[in-house]
Amino acid sequence: MSVWFITGASRGFGAELVREAVARGNQVVATARRPDDIPDQQGVLRLALDVTDEAQARAAVDAAVQEFGRIDVVVNNAGRGLLGAVEEASDEAARAVFDTNVFGVLNVQRAVLPVLRRQRSGHVMQISSVGGFTTGPGWGIYGATKFALEGLSEALYAELKPLGISVTIVEPGFFRTDFLDGSSLHRADDEIADYAETAGAMREIATERNHAQPGDPVKAAAAIVALTEAADPPLRIQLGADSVGRVEAKLDHVRSELEQWRKVSVSTDHDDA
């Protein structure tokens, strides 16, 4: 039995992870801005946590340890979306997404990692997105936050592995949650006509795909929980055939471009290097 600490647990992946973890006999600390929105069930400690509030993150971790004595799995799931061309995003909107998706994760990490280091054990699950590996029109700011999350998580993986702590980056594609609803996905207010065929088209696609996405969040939750039971969990895992396809396409593109421009790349070294 493990003790889970999950942010953004009131809906979507977070809610499914709470259910799956409890079903497998684990104890769960489920956090959300409005903890009353989290289903009340045995084995679940519901706590208020706005991840942008570092003091609240520390208080939630302290309460979790006081209740269960330890934390084994940390799931940084709380997130905020923004759809719009990069130029269309206001400073306020862009900073709000970074505050939740990047600085919010850092707040939780600073609060919980001392616990995991003392234990010399644990698993940090970073809920990223395929957009954290390859992004496109309309998703620039959101993707930038997930790229940042993946960058810090790669370093965290190397820093924590010698201490017996695992880090896994989860890259879901489109899953049938409420992420594309207005309650989760914010849209840039300033729509620029020149981007109608790129970011504008993506707005239409997001509307059409809402609640018709190919990914099953119940299956995703089962896969994520199973990863914490693996002897050698991966640094990265893609969830959904669409995520796998997009990652493969980017790897192919990067390899092709690398080979095309290799001579230019290596020509910039000192002659004695």
Protein backbone atom coordinates (compact mmCIF):
# COMPACT_ATOMS: atom_id res chain seq x y z
CA MET A 1 0.00 0.00 0.00
CA SER A 2 1.28 3.44 -0.96
CA VAL A 3 0.31 6.96 0.02
CA TRP A 4 -0.53 9.18 -2.96
CA PHE A 5 -0.52 12.98 -3.06
CA ILE A 6 -2.51 14.24 -6.06
CA THR A 7 -3.06 17.85 -7.13
CA GLY A 8 -6.02 18.92 -9.24
CA ALA A 9 -7.98 15.92 -7.94
CA SER A 10 -11.53 17.19 -8.35
CA ARG A 11 -11.98 16.24 -12.02
CA GLY A 12 -10.36 14.82 -15.15
CA PHE A 13 -7.21 12.78 -14.77
CA GLY A 14 -6.94 13.77 -11.13
CA ALA A 15 -10.34 12.36 -10.17
CA GLU A 16 -9.73 9.16 -12.15
CA LEU A 17 -6.35 8.71 -10.49
CA VAL A 18 -7.91 9.05 -7.05
CA ARG A 19 -10.44 6.33 -7.87
CA GLU A 20 -7.87 3.99 -9.42
CA ALA A 21 -5.34 4.42 -6.62
CA VAL A 22 -7.96 3.73 -3.95
CA ALA A 23 -9.28 0.74 -5.91
CA ARG A 24 -5.81 -0.76 -5.77
CA GLY A 25 -5.70 -0.45 -2.01
CA ASN A 26 -3.74 2.78 -1.66
CA GLN A 27 -4.35 5.76 0.58
CA VAL A 28 -4.77 9.09 -1.18
CA VAL A 29 -4.33 12.72 -0.30
CA ALA A 30 -6.54 14.42 -2.88
CA THR A 31 -6.10 18.16 -3.24
CA ALA A 32 -7.95 20.84 -5.17
CA ARG A 33 -8.79 24.51 -4.88
CA ARG A 34 -12.27 23.45 -3.79
CA PRO A 35 -11.83 20.16 -1.90
CA ASP A 36 -15.59 19.74 -1.48
CA ASP A 37 -15.68 19.02 -5.23
CA ILE A 38 -13.61 15.88 -4.64
CA PRO A 39 -15.82 12.80 -4.13
CA ASP A 40 -15.77 11.72 -0.50
CA GLN A 41 -14.58 8.12 -0.17
CA GLN A 42 -12.83 5.90 2.31
CA GLY A 43 -9.05 6.13 2.27
CA VAL A 44 -9.07 9.66 0.85
CA LEU A 45 -7.96 12.78 2.71
CA ARG A 46 -9.36 15.83 0.92
CA LEU A 47 -7.36 19.02 1.28
CA ALA A 48 -7.52 22.55 -0.10
CA LEU A 49 -4.59 23.40 -2.34
CA ASP A 50 -4.10 26.21 -4.79
CA VAL A 51 -0.70 25.22 -6.20
CA THR A 52 0.19 28.86 -6.84
CA ASP A 53 0.23 29.37 -3.03
CA GLU A 54 3.49 27.96 -1.68
CA ALA A 55 2.43 28.24 1.96
CA GLN A 56 -0.71 26.25 1.20
CA ALA A 57 1.38 23.59 -0.55
CA ARG A 58 3.57 23.19 2.52
CA ALA A 59 0.52 23.03 4.78
CA ALA A 60 -1.06 20.32 2.62
CA VAL A 61 2.11 18.22 2.63
CA ASP A 62 2.42 18.61 6.41
CA ALA A 63 -1.19 17.51 6.86
CA ALA A 64 -0.61 14.50 4.59
CA VAL A 65 2.42 13.35 6.57
CA GLN A 66 0.62 13.92 9.86
CA GLU A 67 -2.29 11.76 8.66
CA PHE A 68 -0.42 8.94 6.93
CA GLY A 69 3.18 9.22 8.10
CA ARG A 70 4.69 9.30 4.62
CA ILE A 71 4.16 10.13 0.94
CA ASP A 72 5.10 7.61 -1.73
CA VAL A 73 3.67 8.96 -4.99
CA VAL A 74 3.32 12.62 -5.93
CA VAL A 75 1.17 13.48 -8.95
CA ASN A 76 1.52 17.02 -10.24
CA ASN A 77 -1.72 17.11 -12.18
CA ALA A 78 -3.19 20.56 -11.52
CA GLY A 79 -3.03 22.56 -14.73
CA ARG A 80 -4.37 25.46 -16.73
CA GLY A 81 -4.80 25.70 -20.50
CA LEU A 82 -4.58 28.60 -22.93
CA LEU A 83 -5.58 28.44 -26.59
CA GLY A 84 -4.54 31.19 -28.97
CA ALA A 85 -1.69 32.37 -31.17
CA VAL A 86 1.42 33.38 -29.26
CA GLU A 87 0.97 37.03 -30.23
CA GLU A 88 -2.66 36.96 -29.14
CA ALA A 89 -1.86 35.99 -25.54
CA SER A 90 -1.83 38.90 -23.11
CA ASP A 91 0.90 39.12 -20.49
CA GLU A 92 -1.66 38.44 -17.78
CA ALA A 93 -3.00 35.32 -19.52
CA ALA A 94 0.45 33.93 -20.25
CA ARG A 95 1.68 34.48 -16.70
CA ALA A 96 -1.42 32.80 -15.26
CA VAL A 97 -0.65 29.62 -17.20
CA PHE A 98 3.00 29.63 -16.16
CA ASP A 99 2.03 30.33 -12.54
CA THR A 100 -0.03 27.13 -12.41
CA ASN A 101 1.77 24.75 -14.77
CA VAL A 102 5.37 25.64 -13.88
CA PHE A 103 5.67 27.67 -10.70
CA GLY A 104 2.80 25.72 -9.12
CA VAL A 105 4.69 22.48 -9.71
CA LEU A 106 7.82 24.03 -8.22
CA ASN A 107 5.84 25.05 -5.12
CA VAL A 108 4.65 21.48 -4.63
CA GLN A 109 8.11 20.05 -5.31
CA ARG A 110 9.75 22.26 -2.69
CA ALA A 111 7.13 21.20 -0.17
CA VAL A 112 7.18 17.45 -0.83
CA LEU A 113 10.74 16.59 -1.86
CA PRO A 114 12.18 16.91 1.68
CA VAL A 115 9.76 14.14 2.68
CA LEU A 116 10.82 11.87 -0.19
CA ARG A 117 14.51 12.56 0.44
CA ARG A 118 14.18 11.61 4.09
CA GLN A 119 12.48 8.39 3.06
CA ARG A 120 15.02 7.74 0.26
CA SER A 121 12.05 6.57 -1.77
CA GLY A 122 9.11 7.83 -3.78
CA HIS A 123 7.85 8.49 -7.28
CA VAL A 124 7.09 11.88 -8.81
CA MET A 125 4.57 11.76 -11.67
CA GLN A 126 4.57 14.91 -13.79
CA ILE A 127 1.39 15.19 -15.86
CA SER A 128 2.67 16.98 -18.95
CA SER A 129 1.19 16.71 -22.44
CA VAL A 130 2.26 15.64 -25.88
CA GLY A 131 2.37 19.43 -26.24
CA GLY A 132 5.35 19.37 -23.90
CA PHE A 133 7.35 17.54 -26.57
CA THR A 134 5.90 18.88 -29.81
CA THR A 135 3.50 21.76 -30.14
CA GLY A 136 1.69 23.63 -32.89
CA PRO A 137 -0.52 26.60 -33.78
CA GLY A 138 -2.72 27.81 -30.96
CA TRP A 139 -0.87 25.94 -28.24
CA GLY A 140 2.34 27.97 -28.03
CA ILE A 141 1.98 29.37 -24.51
CA TYR A 142 0.48 26.19 -23.07
CA GLY A 143 3.13 24.11 -24.81
CA ALA A 144 5.86 26.40 -23.48
CA THR A 145 4.75 25.67 -19.92
CA LYS A 146 4.87 21.94 -20.58
CA PHE A 147 8.27 22.21 -22.29
CA ALA A 148 9.45 23.99 -19.14
CA LEU A 149 7.95 21.27 -16.95
CA GLU A 150 9.72 18.59 -18.97
CA GLY A 151 13.04 20.44 -18.81
CA LEU A 152 13.00 20.75 -15.05
CA SER A 153 11.75 17.17 -14.74
CA GLU A 154 14.67 15.78 -16.75
CA ALA A 155 17.05 17.49 -14.35
CA LEU A 156 14.99 16.33 -11.38
CA TYR A 157 15.18 12.76 -12.69
CA ALA A 158 18.99 12.89 -12.64
CA GLU A 159 19.12 14.60 -9.25
CA LEU A 160 16.70 12.26 -7.48
CA LYS A 161 17.61 8.90 -9.00
CA PRO A 162 20.69 8.44 -6.75
CA LEU A 163 18.39 9.06 -3.77
CA GLY A 164 16.03 6.23 -4.70
CA ILE A 165 13.30 8.52 -6.06
CA SER A 166 11.80 8.05 -9.52
CA VAL A 167 10.48 10.75 -11.86
CA THR A 168 8.14 10.04 -14.77
CA ILE A 169 6.84 12.55 -17.30
CA VAL A 170 3.41 11.59 -18.64
CA GLU A 171 2.55 12.93 -22.10
CA PRO A 172 -1.17 12.43 -22.84
CA GLY A 173 -2.68 13.24 -26.19
CA PHE A 174 -6.35 14.26 -26.46
CA PHE A 175 -8.39 12.51 -23.75
CA ARG A 176 -12.11 12.68 -23.14
CA THR A 177 -11.99 14.92 -20.08
CA ASP A 178 -13.30 18.46 -19.63
CA PHE A 179 -9.92 20.01 -20.51
CA LEU A 180 -11.38 21.66 -23.62
CA ASP A 181 -14.27 23.16 -21.63
CA GLY A 182 -14.19 26.82 -20.77
CA SER A 183 -13.71 25.92 -17.10
CA SER A 184 -10.26 24.46 -17.86
CA LEU A 185 -9.14 25.88 -21.18
CA HIS A 186 -8.87 29.65 -21.40
CA ARG A 187 -8.83 31.32 -24.79
CA ALA A 188 -6.91 34.41 -25.82
CA ASP A 189 -9.23 37.41 -25.94
CA ASP A 190 -7.50 39.14 -28.84
CA GLU A 191 -8.10 37.23 -32.08
CA ILE A 192 -5.88 38.45 -34.94
CA ALA A 193 -7.24 37.85 -38.44
CA ASP A 194 -3.82 36.91 -39.86
CA TYR A 195 -3.86 33.77 -37.69
CA ALA A 196 -7.31 32.60 -38.80
CA GLU A 197 -5.91 29.65 -40.76
CA THR A 198 -3.57 28.48 -37.98
CA ALA A 199 -4.54 29.30 -34.40
CA GLY A 200 -8.07 30.18 -35.52
CA ALA A 201 -8.49 26.78 -37.14
CA MET A 202 -7.24 25.14 -33.96
CA ARG A 203 -9.95 26.95 -31.99
CA GLU A 204 -12.54 25.32 -34.24
CA ILE A 205 -10.89 21.91 -33.91
CA ALA A 206 -10.87 22.18 -30.12
CA THR A 207 -14.57 22.98 -30.12
CA GLU A 208 -15.36 20.06 -32.43
CA ARG A 209 -13.26 17.57 -30.44
CA ASN A 210 -14.57 18.56 -27.02
CA HIS A 211 -15.91 15.40 -25.34
CA ALA A 212 -15.17 13.44 -28.52
CA GLN A 213 -11.45 12.94 -27.88
CA PRO A 214 -10.05 9.45 -28.58
CA GLY A 215 -8.35 8.88 -25.22
CA ASP A 216 -10.07 7.08 -22.33
CA PRO A 217 -9.14 8.73 -18.99
CA VAL A 218 -10.09 5.60 -17.03
CA LYS A 219 -7.57 3.56 -19.00
CA ALA A 220 -5.01 6.35 -18.64
CA ALA A 221 -5.41 6.36 -14.85
CA ALA A 222 -4.91 2.59 -14.76
CA ALA A 223 -1.74 2.92 -16.85
CA ILE A 224 -0.35 5.69 -14.64
CA VAL A 225 -0.98 3.78 -11.41
CA ALA A 226 0.62 0.68 -12.92
CA LEU A 227 3.76 2.69 -13.71
CA THR A 228 4.31 3.34 -10.01
CA GLU A 229 4.41 -0.43 -9.48
CA ALA A 230 7.02 -1.04 -12.21
CA ALA A 231 10.53 -2.05 -11.18
CA ASP A 232 12.15 0.39 -13.62
CA PRO A 233 9.65 3.13 -14.57
CA PRO A 234 10.40 5.30 -17.61
CA LEU A 235 11.42 8.93 -17.62
CA ARG A 236 8.77 9.56 -20.28
CA ILE A 237 5.66 7.79 -21.43
CA GLN A 238 3.16 8.78 -24.09
CA LEU A 239 -0.53 8.04 -23.56
CA GLY A 240 -2.81 7.68 -26.57
CA ALA A 241 -2.09 6.68 -30.15
CA ASP A 242 -2.22 10.35 -31.17
CA SER A 243 0.55 11.18 -28.70
CA VAL A 244 2.71 8.32 -29.94
CA GLY A 245 2.23 9.39 -33.55
CA ARG A 246 3.10 13.02 -32.89
CA VAL A 247 6.22 12.14 -30.92
CA GLU A 248 7.38 9.75 -33.65
CA ALA A 249 6.84 12.43 -36.29
CA LYS A 250 8.90 14.98 -34.36
CA LEU A 251 11.73 12.51 -33.75
CA ASP A 252 11.83 11.76 -37.47
CA HIS A 253 11.84 15.47 -38.31
CA VAL A 254 14.60 16.31 -35.82
CA ARG A 255 16.77 13.42 -37.07
CA SER A 256 16.27 14.44 -40.71
CA GLU A 257 17.07 18.08 -40.02
CA LEU A 258 20.08 17.14 -37.90
CA GLU A 259 21.56 15.12 -40.75
CA GLN A 260 20.78 17.81 -43.34
CA TRP A 261 22.61 20.50 -41.38
CA ARG A 262 25.25 18.38 -39.61
CA LYS A 263 28.20 19.91 -41.51
CA VAL A 264 27.16 23.42 -40.53
CA SER A 265 26.61 22.36 -36.93
CA VAL A 266 30.02 20.72 -36.42
CA SER A 267 31.87 23.39 -38.44
CA THR A 268 31.55 25.86 -35.56
CA ASP A 269 33.97 24.02 -33.25
CA HIS A 270 37.53 25.26 -32.67
CA ASP A 271 40.02 23.56 -35.00
CA ASP A 272 41.84 22.04 -32.01
CA ALA A 273 38.66 20.73 -30.38
